[in-house]
Amino acid sequence: MGKAASNELRKIRALFFVYLSAGSALIAMAMLAAPFFLQSMQTLTMKAVILAGCPALLLSILSWFWHLQALQIVSEVED
């Protein structure tokens, strides 16, 4: 595979990870806000916050990892 084709493939992989990271970050923010919109503030329980917060935290960490992966791929692109 030529240098130009290899660089193009790396750019496509990097864009995939950037979009994956951005999408998962948006989903994580929506998951954190969901209990506050689905229940009234008076009946909001700690269980609902924890059940929404734990997966959202995991998704945020994965988003950060995927963004770092995209940065690592971009750093390998040769000009």
Protein backbone atom coordinates (compact mmCIF):
# COMPACT_ATOMS: atom_id res chain seq x y z
CA MET A 1 0.00 0.00 0.00
CA GLY A 2 1.34 3.42 -0.92
CA LYS A 3 2.09 6.24 1.46
CA ALA A 4 -0.88 8.33 0.29
CA ALA A 5 -3.33 5.41 0.64
CA SER A 6 -1.98 4.59 4.09
CA ASN A 7 -2.38 8.21 5.20
CA GLU A 8 -5.92 8.33 3.83
CA LEU A 9 -6.80 5.16 5.73
CA ARG A 10 -5.37 6.63 8.94
CA LYS A 11 -7.39 9.82 8.45
CA ILE A 12 -10.59 7.79 7.99
CA ARG A 13 -9.84 5.75 11.13
CA ALA A 14 -9.13 8.94 13.09
CA LEU A 15 -12.41 10.52 11.95
CA PHE A 16 -14.26 7.36 12.99
CA PHE A 17 -12.84 7.60 16.51
CA VAL A 18 -13.52 11.35 16.71
CA TYR A 19 -17.17 10.86 15.75
CA LEU A 20 -17.47 7.88 18.11
CA SER A 21 -16.03 9.97 20.92
CA ALA A 22 -18.31 12.94 20.27
CA GLY A 23 -21.41 10.77 19.98
CA SER A 24 -20.71 8.87 23.17
CA ALA A 25 -20.02 12.12 25.05
CA LEU A 26 -23.40 13.48 23.95
CA ILE A 27 -25.14 10.26 25.01
CA ALA A 28 -23.37 10.38 28.39
CA MET A 29 -24.55 13.96 28.98
CA ALA A 30 -28.10 12.97 28.07
CA MET A 31 -27.93 9.99 30.43
CA LEU A 32 -26.83 12.23 33.29
CA ALA A 33 -29.66 14.68 32.68
CA ALA A 34 -32.38 12.05 32.12
CA PRO A 35 -33.37 11.44 35.77
CA PHE A 36 -33.93 15.15 36.31
CA PHE A 37 -36.29 15.42 33.35
CA LEU A 38 -38.12 12.12 33.84
CA GLN A 39 -38.94 12.55 37.52
CA SER A 40 -39.96 15.50 39.57
CA MET A 41 -37.23 16.94 41.78
CA GLN A 42 -39.14 15.96 44.92
CA THR A 43 -39.29 12.27 44.05
CA LEU A 44 -35.79 12.05 42.60
CA THR A 45 -34.06 9.25 44.43
CA MET A 46 -30.38 8.57 44.86
CA LYS A 47 -30.90 5.20 43.20
CA ALA A 48 -32.07 6.88 39.98
CA VAL A 49 -29.07 9.21 39.96
CA ILE A 50 -26.63 6.35 40.56
CA LEU A 51 -28.27 4.10 37.97
CA ALA A 52 -27.94 6.86 35.38
CA GLY A 53 -24.58 8.15 36.55
CA CYS A 54 -22.54 4.95 36.54
CA PRO A 55 -23.07 4.07 32.87
CA ALA A 56 -22.68 7.73 31.94
CA LEU A 57 -19.33 7.86 33.75
CA LEU A 58 -18.19 4.72 31.96
CA LEU A 59 -19.29 6.17 28.63
CA SER A 60 -17.43 9.40 29.39
CA ILE A 61 -14.24 7.46 30.11
CA LEU A 62 -14.66 5.50 26.88
CA SER A 63 -15.23 8.76 25.01
CA TRP A 64 -11.99 10.14 26.40
CA PHE A 65 -10.14 6.93 25.44
CA TRP A 66 -11.54 7.03 21.89
CA HIS A 67 -10.50 10.67 21.53
CA LEU A 68 -6.95 9.78 22.62
CA GLN A 69 -6.98 6.91 20.12
CA ALA A 70 -7.91 9.35 17.34
CA LEU A 71 -5.10 11.69 18.38
CA GLN A 72 -2.62 8.81 18.34
CA ILE A 73 -3.75 7.77 14.84
CA VAL A 74 -3.45 11.34 13.56
CA SER A 75 0.07 11.61 14.96
CA GLU A 76 1.07 8.63 12.79
CA VAL A 77 0.02 10.38 9.55
CA GLU A 78 3.07 11.17 7.51
CA ASP A 79 3.04 14.33 5.46
